[in-house]
PDB file of N, CA and C in Angstrom:
ATOM      1  N   UNK A   1     -40.047  -3.571  15.620  1.00  0.00           N
ATOM      2  CA  UNK A   1     -38.563  -3.789  16.487  1.00  0.00           C
ATOM      3  C   UNK A   1     -39.692  -4.469  18.437  1.00  0.00           C
ATOM      4  N   UNK A   2     -39.379  -4.638  18.847  1.00  0.00           N
ATOM      5  CA  UNK A   2     -39.622  -5.173  20.257  1.00  0.00           C
ATOM      6  C   UNK A   2     -39.801  -3.611  20.826  1.00  0.00           C
ATOM      7  N   UNK A   3     -40.996  -3.527  21.947  1.00  0.00           N
ATOM      8  CA  UNK A   3     -40.799  -2.375  22.812  1.00  0.00           C
ATOM      9  C   UNK A   3     -41.201  -2.910  24.067  1.00  0.00           C
ATOM     10  N   UNK A   4     -40.827  -1.840  25.103  1.00  0.00           N
ATOM     11  CA  UNK A   4     -41.550  -2.179  26.677  1.00  0.00           C
ATOM     12  C   UNK A   4     -41.023  -1.228  27.384  1.00  0.00           C
ATOM     13  N   UNK A   5     -41.827  -0.499  28.362  1.00  0.00           N
ATOM     14  CA  UNK A   5     -42.957   0.478  28.951  1.00  0.00           C
ATOM     15  C   UNK A   5     -42.866   1.261  27.541  1.00  0.00           C
ATOM     16  N   UNK A   6     -43.606   1.225  26.877  1.00  0.00           N
ATOM     17  CA  UNK A   6     -44.203   1.858  26.045  1.00  0.00           C
ATOM     18  C   UNK A   6     -43.605   2.178  24.685  1.00  0.00           C
ATOM     19  N   UNK A   7     -42.129   1.864  24.668  1.00  0.00           N
ATOM     20  CA  UNK A   7     -41.149   2.631  23.759  1.00  0.00           C
ATOM     21  C   UNK A   7     -40.334   1.345  23.271  1.00  0.00           C
ATOM     22  N   UNK A   8     -39.614   2.008  21.859  1.00  0.00           N
ATOM     23  CA  UNK A   8     -39.044   1.160  21.072  1.00  0.00           C
ATOM     24  C   UNK A   8     -37.790   0.863  22.288  1.00  0.00           C
ATOM     25  N   UNK A   9     -37.436  -0.800  22.099  1.00  0.00           N
ATOM     26  CA  UNK A   9     -35.995  -0.701  22.930  1.00  0.00           C
ATOM     27  C   UNK A   9     -34.893   0.101  22.323  1.00  0.00           C
ATOM     28  N   UNK A  10     -34.203  -0.133  21.286  1.00  0.00           N
ATOM     29  CA  UNK A  10     -33.270   1.008  20.795  1.00  0.00           C
ATOM     30  C   UNK A  10     -33.406   2.480  21.553  1.00  0.00           C
ATOM     31  N   UNK A  11     -34.418   2.685  21.921  1.00  0.00           N
ATOM     32  CA  UNK A  11     -34.882   4.678  22.702  1.00  0.00           C
ATOM     33  C   UNK A  11     -34.755   4.254  23.800  1.00  0.00           C
ATOM     34  N   UNK A  12     -34.474   2.875  24.486  1.00  0.00           N
ATOM     35  CA  UNK A  12     -34.056   2.787  26.034  1.00  0.00           C
ATOM     36  C   UNK A  12     -32.832   3.240  26.434  1.00  0.00           C
ATOM     37  N   UNK A  13     -32.679   3.600  27.479  1.00  0.00           N
ATOM     38  CA  UNK A  13     -31.340   4.369  27.691  1.00  0.00           C
ATOM     39  C   UNK A  13     -30.178   3.007  27.880  1.00  0.00           C
ATOM     40  N   UNK A  14     -30.898   2.304  28.393  1.00  0.00           N
ATOM     41  CA  UNK A  14     -29.350   1.203  28.674  1.00  0.00           C
ATOM     42  C   UNK A  14     -29.280   0.251  27.712  1.00  0.00           C
ATOM     43  N   UNK A  15     -30.754   0.327  27.178  1.00  0.00           N
ATOM     44  CA  UNK A  15     -30.086  -0.418  25.734  1.00  0.00           C
ATOM     45  C   UNK A  15     -29.681  -0.569  24.875  1.00  0.00           C
ATOM     46  N   UNK A  16     -29.251   1.037  24.315  1.00  0.00           N
ATOM     47  CA  UNK A  16     -28.778   2.152  23.034  1.00  0.00           C
ATOM     48  C   UNK A  16     -27.360   1.768  23.874  1.00  0.00           C
ATOM     49  N   UNK A  17     -27.268   1.542  24.968  1.00  0.00           N
ATOM     50  CA  UNK A  17     -25.946   2.048  25.481  1.00  0.00           C
ATOM     51  C   UNK A  17     -24.865   0.188  25.374  1.00  0.00           C
ATOM     52  N   UNK A  18     -25.993  -0.653  25.229  1.00  0.00           N
ATOM     53  CA  UNK A  18     -25.539  -2.003  25.226  1.00  0.00           C
ATOM     54  C   UNK A  18     -25.366  -2.096  23.308  1.00  0.00           C
ATOM     55  N   UNK A  19     -26.315  -1.669  22.717  1.00  0.00           N
ATOM     56  CA  UNK A  19     -26.137  -1.856  21.080  1.00  0.00           C
ATOM     57  C   UNK A  19     -24.884  -1.195  21.087  1.00  0.00           C
ATOM     58  N   UNK A  20     -24.622   0.214  21.379  1.00  0.00           N
ATOM     59  CA  UNK A  20     -23.325   0.588  20.890  1.00  0.00           C
ATOM     60  C   UNK A  20     -22.229  -0.102  21.271  1.00  0.00           C
ATOM     61  N   UNK A  21     -22.376  -0.774  22.471  1.00  0.00           N
ATOM     62  CA  UNK A  21     -21.147  -1.632  23.270  1.00  0.00           C
ATOM     63  C   UNK A  21     -21.026  -2.498  22.060  1.00  0.00           C
ATOM     64  N   UNK A  22     -21.698  -3.566  21.653  1.00  0.00           N
ATOM     65  CA  UNK A  22     -21.946  -4.616  20.579  1.00  0.00           C
ATOM     66  C   UNK A  22     -21.608  -4.381  19.315  1.00  0.00           C
ATOM     67  N   UNK A  23     -21.700  -2.692  19.065  1.00  0.00           N
ATOM     68  CA  UNK A  23     -21.744  -2.585  17.564  1.00  0.00           C
ATOM     69  C   UNK A  23     -19.889  -2.506  17.727  1.00  0.00           C
ATOM     70  N   UNK A  24     -19.326  -1.618  18.758  1.00  0.00           N
ATOM     71  CA  UNK A  24     -18.105  -1.650  19.005  1.00  0.00           C
ATOM     72  C   UNK A  24     -17.090  -2.902  19.012  1.00  0.00           C
ATOM     73  N   UNK A  25     -17.640  -3.131  19.631  1.00  0.00           N
ATOM     74  CA  UNK A  25     -17.203  -4.973  19.572  1.00  0.00           C
ATOM     75  C   UNK A  25     -16.990  -5.681  18.618  1.00  0.00           C
ATOM     76  N   UNK A  26     -17.759  -5.533  18.248  1.00  0.00           N
ATOM     77  CA  UNK A  26     -18.262  -5.967  16.130  1.00  0.00           C
ATOM     78  C   UNK A  26     -17.059  -5.325  15.472  1.00  0.00           C
ATOM     79  N   UNK A  27     -16.930  -3.784  15.679  1.00  0.00           N
ATOM     80  CA  UNK A  27     -15.881  -3.671  14.624  1.00  0.00           C
ATOM     81  C   UNK A  27     -14.837  -3.797  15.242  1.00  0.00           C
ATOM     82  N   UNK A  28     -14.377  -3.843  16.449  1.00  0.00           N
ATOM     83  CA  UNK A  28     -13.302  -4.032  16.803  1.00  0.00           C
ATOM     84  C   UNK A  28     -12.617  -5.318  16.424  1.00  0.00           C
ATOM     85  N   UNK A  29     -13.770  -6.407  16.336  1.00  0.00           N
ATOM     86  CA  UNK A  29     -13.140  -7.862  15.799  1.00  0.00           C
ATOM     87  C   UNK A  29     -12.785  -7.999  14.199  1.00  0.00           C
ATOM     88  N   UNK A  30     -13.518  -7.025  13.437  1.00  0.00           N
ATOM     89  CA  UNK A  30     -13.361  -7.204  11.944  1.00  0.00           C
ATOM     90  C   UNK A  30     -12.291  -6.477  11.871  1.00  0.00           C
ATOM     91  N   UNK A  31     -11.813  -5.324  12.822  1.00  0.00           N
ATOM     92  CA  UNK A  31     -10.329  -4.605  12.113  1.00  0.00           C
ATOM     93  C   UNK A  31      -9.443  -5.387  12.833  1.00  0.00           C
ATOM     94  N   UNK A  32      -9.787  -6.176  13.582  1.00  0.00           N
ATOM     95  CA  UNK A  32      -8.577  -6.507  14.269  1.00  0.00           C
ATOM     96  C   UNK A  32      -7.748  -8.520  13.218  1.00  0.00           C
ATOM     97  N   UNK A  33      -8.994  -8.608  12.585  1.00  0.00           N
ATOM     98  CA  UNK A  33      -9.140  -9.388  11.895  1.00  0.00           C
ATOM     99  C   UNK A  33      -8.161  -9.384  10.273  1.00  0.00           C
ATOM    100  N   UNK A  34      -8.787  -8.258   9.788  1.00  0.00           N
ATOM    101  CA  UNK A  34      -8.556  -7.028   8.605  1.00  0.00           C
ATOM    102  C   UNK A  34      -6.845  -7.085   8.893  1.00  0.00           C
ATOM    103  N   UNK A  35      -6.115  -6.352  10.091  1.00  0.00           N
ATOM    104  CA  UNK A  35      -5.099  -6.057  10.180  1.00  0.00           C
ATOM    105  C   UNK A  35      -4.326  -7.547  10.621  1.00  0.00           C
ATOM    106  N   UNK A  36      -4.884  -8.396  10.526  1.00  0.00           N
ATOM    107  CA  UNK A  36      -3.796  -9.429  10.776  1.00  0.00           C
ATOM    108  C   UNK A  36      -3.644 -10.376   9.616  1.00  0.00           C
ATOM    109  N   UNK A  37      -4.603  -9.996   8.369  1.00  0.00           N
ATOM    110  CA  UNK A  37      -4.863 -10.803   7.322  1.00  0.00           C
ATOM    111  C   UNK A  37      -3.336  -9.807   6.275  1.00  0.00           C
ATOM    112  N   UNK A  38      -3.768  -7.940   6.530  1.00  0.00           N
ATOM    113  CA  UNK A  38      -2.687  -7.399   6.096  1.00  0.00           C
ATOM    114  C   UNK A  38      -0.697  -7.327   6.666  1.00  0.00           C
ATOM    115  N   UNK A  39      -0.971  -7.609   7.520  1.00  0.00           N
ATOM    116  CA  UNK A  39       0.295  -8.734   8.012  1.00  0.00           C
ATOM    117  C   UNK A  39       0.810  -9.651   7.689  1.00  0.00           C
ATOM    118  N   UNK A  40      -0.373 -10.795   6.963  1.00  0.00           N
ATOM    119  CA  UNK A  40      -0.195 -12.102   6.022  1.00  0.00           C
ATOM    120  C   UNK A  40       0.763 -11.289   4.839  1.00  0.00           C
ATOM    121  N   UNK A  41       0.132 -10.303   4.535  1.00  0.00           N
ATOM    122  CA  UNK A  41      -0.148  -9.630   2.938  1.00  0.00           C
ATOM    123  C   UNK A  41       1.166  -8.946   3.161  1.00  0.00           C
ATOM    124  N   UNK A  42       1.879  -8.511   4.207  1.00  0.00           N
ATOM    125  CA  UNK A  42       2.866  -7.545   4.007  1.00  0.00           C
ATOM    126  C   UNK A  42       3.929  -8.273   4.563  1.00  0.00           C
ATOM    127  N   UNK A  43       3.913  -9.286   5.870  1.00  0.00           N
ATOM    128  CA  UNK A  43       5.143  -9.996   5.983  1.00  0.00           C
ATOM    129  C   UNK A  43       5.697  -8.877   6.736  1.00  0.00           C
ATOM    130  N   UNK A  44       5.324  -8.270   7.727  1.00  0.00           N
ATOM    131  CA  UNK A  44       5.674  -6.509   8.351  1.00  0.00           C
ATOM    132  C   UNK A  44       6.874  -7.666   9.366  1.00  0.00           C
ATOM    133  N   UNK A  45       8.179  -6.948   9.593  1.00  0.00           N
ATOM    134  CA  UNK A  45       8.904  -7.155  10.086  1.00  0.00           C
ATOM    135  C   UNK A  45       8.820  -8.828  10.845  1.00  0.00           C
ATOM    136  N   UNK A  46       9.035  -9.275   9.581  1.00  0.00           N
ATOM    137  CA  UNK A  46       9.699 -10.616   9.492  1.00  0.00           C
ATOM    138  C   UNK A  46       9.000 -11.435   9.176  1.00  0.00           C
ATOM    139  N   UNK A  47       7.088 -10.845   9.491  1.00  0.00           N
ATOM    140  CA  UNK A  47       6.210 -12.016   9.763  1.00  0.00           C
ATOM    141  C   UNK A  47       5.708 -12.191  11.204  1.00  0.00           C
ATOM    142  N   UNK A  48       6.635 -11.437  12.023  1.00  0.00           N
ATOM    143  CA  UNK A  48       6.486 -12.069  13.590  1.00  0.00           C
ATOM    144  C   UNK A  48       5.336 -11.069  13.749  1.00  0.00           C
ATOM    145  N   UNK A  49       4.808 -10.272  13.484  1.00  0.00           N
ATOM    146  CA  UNK A  49       2.959  -9.988  14.342  1.00  0.00           C
ATOM    147  C   UNK A  49       2.206 -10.796  13.260  1.00  0.00           C
ATOM    148  N   UNK A  50       2.130 -11.137  12.454  1.00  0.00           N
ATOM    149  CA  UNK A  50       1.211 -12.220  11.624  1.00  0.00           C
ATOM    150  C   UNK A  50       1.401 -13.603  12.747  1.00  0.00           C
ATOM    151  N   UNK A  51       2.952 -14.255  13.051  1.00  0.00           N
ATOM    152  CA  UNK A  51       3.130 -15.302  13.739  1.00  0.00           C
ATOM    153  C   UNK A  51       2.286 -15.059  15.322  1.00  0.00           C
ATOM    154  N   UNK A  52       2.741 -13.850  15.996  1.00  0.00           N
ATOM    155  CA  UNK A  52       2.171 -13.794  17.310  1.00  0.00           C
ATOM    156  C   UNK A  52       0.856 -13.271  17.480  1.00  0.00           C
ATOM    157  N   UNK A  53       0.336 -12.113  16.499  1.00  0.00           N
ATOM    158  CA  UNK A  53      -0.741 -11.623  16.847  1.00  0.00           C
ATOM    159  C   UNK A  53      -2.143 -12.207  16.243  1.00  0.00           C
ATOM    160  N   UNK A  54      -1.759 -13.365  15.238  1.00  0.00           N
ATOM    161  CA  UNK A  54      -3.116 -13.930  14.981  1.00  0.00           C
ATOM    162  C   UNK A  54      -3.691 -14.675  15.706  1.00  0.00           C
ATOM    163  N   UNK A  55      -2.507 -15.672  16.691  1.00  0.00           N
ATOM    164  CA  UNK A  55      -2.840 -16.590  17.888  1.00  0.00           C
ATOM    165  C   UNK A  55      -3.782 -15.748  18.931  1.00  0.00           C
ATOM    166  N   UNK A  56      -3.088 -14.535  19.212  1.00  0.00           N
ATOM    167  CA  UNK A  56      -3.414 -13.354  20.342  1.00  0.00           C
ATOM    168  C   UNK A  56      -4.966 -13.045  19.906  1.00  0.00           C
ATOM    169  N   UNK A  57      -5.311 -12.717  18.613  1.00  0.00           N
ATOM    170  CA  UNK A  57      -5.850 -12.190  17.940  1.00  0.00           C
ATOM    171  C   UNK A  57      -7.085 -13.431  18.413  1.00  0.00           C
ATOM    172  N   UNK A  58      -6.947 -14.424  17.693  1.00  0.00           N
ATOM    173  CA  UNK A  58      -8.174 -15.347  18.058  1.00  0.00           C
ATOM    174  C   UNK A  58      -8.585 -15.886  18.847  1.00  0.00           C
ATOM    175  N   UNK A  59      -7.784 -16.349  20.345  1.00  0.00           N
ATOM    176  CA  UNK A  59      -7.748 -16.206  21.280  1.00  0.00           C
ATOM    177  C   UNK A  59      -8.942 -15.210  21.997  1.00  0.00           C
ATOM    178  N   UNK A  60      -8.644 -13.854  22.035  1.00  0.00           N
ATOM    179  CA  UNK A  60      -9.507 -13.069  22.366  1.00  0.00           C
ATOM    180  C   UNK A  60     -10.719 -12.850  21.921  1.00  0.00           C
ATOM    181  N   UNK A  61     -11.028 -13.031  20.671  1.00  0.00           N
ATOM    182  CA  UNK A  61     -12.104 -12.841  19.444  1.00  0.00           C
ATOM    183  C   UNK A  61     -13.236 -13.916  20.002  1.00  0.00           C
ATOM    184  N   UNK A  62     -12.088 -15.124  20.266  1.00  0.00           N
ATOM    185  CA  UNK A  62     -12.452 -17.074  20.379  1.00  0.00           C
ATOM    186  C   UNK A  62     -13.845 -17.175  21.919  1.00  0.00           C
ATOM    187  N   UNK A  63     -12.711 -16.179  22.559  1.00  0.00           N
ATOM    188  CA  UNK A  63     -13.083 -16.210  24.522  1.00  0.00           C
ATOM    189  C   UNK A  63     -14.163 -15.347  24.565  1.00  0.00           C
ATOM    190  N   UNK A  64     -14.269 -13.945  23.449  1.00  0.00           N
ATOM    191  CA  UNK A  64     -15.724 -13.039  24.002  1.00  0.00           C
ATOM    192  C   UNK A  64     -16.375 -13.523  22.902  1.00  0.00           C
ATOM    193  N   UNK A  65     -16.577 -14.290  22.008  1.00  0.00           N
ATOM    194  CA  UNK A  65     -17.892 -14.023  21.550  1.00  0.00           C
ATOM    195  C   UNK A  65     -18.421 -15.291  21.674  1.00  0.00           C
ATOM    196  N   UNK A  66     -18.592 -15.877  22.302  1.00  0.00           N
ATOM    197  CA  UNK A  66     -20.438 -16.547  23.369  1.00  0.00           C
ATOM    198  C   UNK A  66     -21.007 -15.577  23.991  1.00  0.00           C
ATOM    199  N   UNK A  67     -20.330 -14.617  25.119  1.00  0.00           N
ATOM    200  CA  UNK A  67     -20.944 -13.939  25.961  1.00  0.00           C
ATOM    201  C   UNK A  67     -21.446 -12.746  24.951  1.00  0.00           C
ATOM    202  N   UNK A  68     -20.728 -12.276  23.495  1.00  0.00           N
ATOM    203  CA  UNK A  68     -21.708 -11.570  22.650  1.00  0.00           C
ATOM    204  C   UNK A  68     -22.577 -12.101  21.989  1.00  0.00           C
ATOM    205  N   UNK A  69     -22.643 -13.342  21.844  1.00  0.00           N
ATOM    206  CA  UNK A  69     -23.829 -14.189  20.865  1.00  0.00           C
ATOM    207  C   UNK A  69     -25.371 -14.042  21.947  1.00  0.00           C
ATOM    208  N   UNK A  70     -24.539 -14.444  23.289  1.00  0.00           N
ATOM    209  CA  UNK A  70     -25.178 -14.216  24.841  1.00  0.00           C
ATOM    210  C   UNK A  70     -25.844 -13.214  24.313  1.00  0.00           C
ATOM    211  N   UNK A  71     -25.779 -12.041  24.374  1.00  0.00           N
ATOM    212  CA  UNK A  71     -26.021 -10.665  24.879  1.00  0.00           C
ATOM    213  C   UNK A  71     -26.887 -10.386  23.380  1.00  0.00           C
ATOM    214  N   UNK A  72     -26.553  -9.878  22.670  1.00  0.00           N
ATOM    215  CA  UNK A  72     -27.300 -10.456  20.824  1.00  0.00           C
ATOM    216  C   UNK A  72     -28.659 -11.102  21.238  1.00  0.00           C
ATOM    217  N   UNK A  73     -28.579 -12.576  21.609  1.00  0.00           N
ATOM    218  CA  UNK A  73     -29.761 -13.202  21.694  1.00  0.00           C
ATOM    219  C   UNK A  73     -30.753 -12.539  22.679  1.00  0.00           C
ATOM    220  N   UNK A  74     -30.188 -11.691  24.174  1.00  0.00           N
ATOM    221  CA  UNK A  74     -30.994 -11.140  24.677  1.00  0.00           C
ATOM    222  C   UNK A  74     -31.629 -10.223  24.497  1.00  0.00           C
ATOM    223  N   UNK A  75     -30.859  -9.258  23.428  1.00  0.00           N
ATOM    224  CA  UNK A  75     -31.571  -8.340  22.856  1.00  0.00           C
ATOM    225  C   UNK A  75     -32.751  -8.926  21.821  1.00  0.00           C
ATOM    226  N   UNK A  76     -32.695  -9.810  21.346  1.00  0.00           N
ATOM    227  CA  UNK A  76     -33.832 -10.216  20.381  1.00  0.00           C
ATOM    228  C   UNK A  76     -34.878 -10.726  20.878  1.00  0.00           C
ATOM    229  N   UNK A  77     -34.179 -11.466  22.430  1.00  0.00           N
ATOM    230  CA  UNK A  77     -35.642 -12.003  23.190  1.00  0.00           C
ATOM    231  C   UNK A  77     -36.051 -13.439  22.362  1.00  0.00           C
ATOM    232  N   UNK A  78     -37.444 -13.508  22.183  1.00  0.00           N
ATOM    233  CA  UNK A  78     -37.877 -14.748  21.514  1.00  0.00           C
ATOM    234  C   UNK A  78     -37.817 -15.014  20.121  1.00  0.00           C
ATOM    235  N   UNK A  79     -37.205 -14.168  19.350  1.00  0.00           N
ATOM    236  CA  UNK A  79     -37.216 -14.597  17.775  1.00  0.00           C
ATOM    237  C   UNK A  79     -36.483 -15.470  17.628  1.00  0.00           C
ATOM    238  N   UNK A  80     -37.541 -16.348  16.918  1.00  0.00           N
ATOM    239  CA  UNK A  80     -36.680 -17.894  16.581  1.00  0.00           C
ATOM    240  C   UNK A  80     -37.430 -18.742  17.315  1.00  0.00           C
ATOM    241  N   UNK A  81     -37.737 -18.318  18.382  1.00  0.00           N
ATOM    242  CA  UNK A  81     -39.017 -19.883  18.825  1.00  0.00           C
ATOM    243  C   UNK A  81     -40.012 -19.263  19.724  1.00  0.00           C
ATOM    244  N   UNK A  82     -40.238 -18.080  19.258  1.00  0.00           N
ATOM    245  CA  UNK A  82     -41.585 -18.196  19.456  1.00  0.00           C
ATOM    246  C   UNK A  82     -42.627 -17.083  18.416  1.00  0.00           C
ATOM    247  N   UNK A  83     -43.935 -17.449  18.275  1.00  0.00           N
ATOM    248  CA  UNK A  83     -44.348 -16.775  16.845  1.00  0.00           C
ATOM    249  C   UNK A  83     -44.387 -15.307  16.892  1.00  0.00           C
ATOM    250  N   UNK A  84     -44.609 -14.838  18.597  1.00  0.00           N
ATOM    251  CA  UNK A  84     -44.386 -12.933  18.116  1.00  0.00           C
ATOM    252  C   UNK A  84     -43.610 -12.841  19.348  1.00  0.00           C
ATOM    253  N   UNK A  85     -42.949 -12.014  18.162  1.00  0.00           N
ATOM    254  CA  UNK A  85     -41.779 -10.996  19.348  1.00  0.00           C
ATOM    255  C   UNK A  85     -41.447 -10.173  19.287  1.00  0.00           C
TER     256      UNK A  85
END
């Protein structure tokens, strides 16, 4: 993995905090997708949750993902476009 200041990036306090935030956000997006799928399966409350929740969840996840991916790319650095990273 990448190193900075003689230590692996995941050992750096700020990077560890960023990785924890990214992990939590990824888990939250997965959880809301699964919850909306269950709402469709169960048609809770006449399907209101599915009807309102899916567009709201889609809006939130799609609005946040470009920044999420950008942060992931920053963590990886030059991986994918330089020979050594």
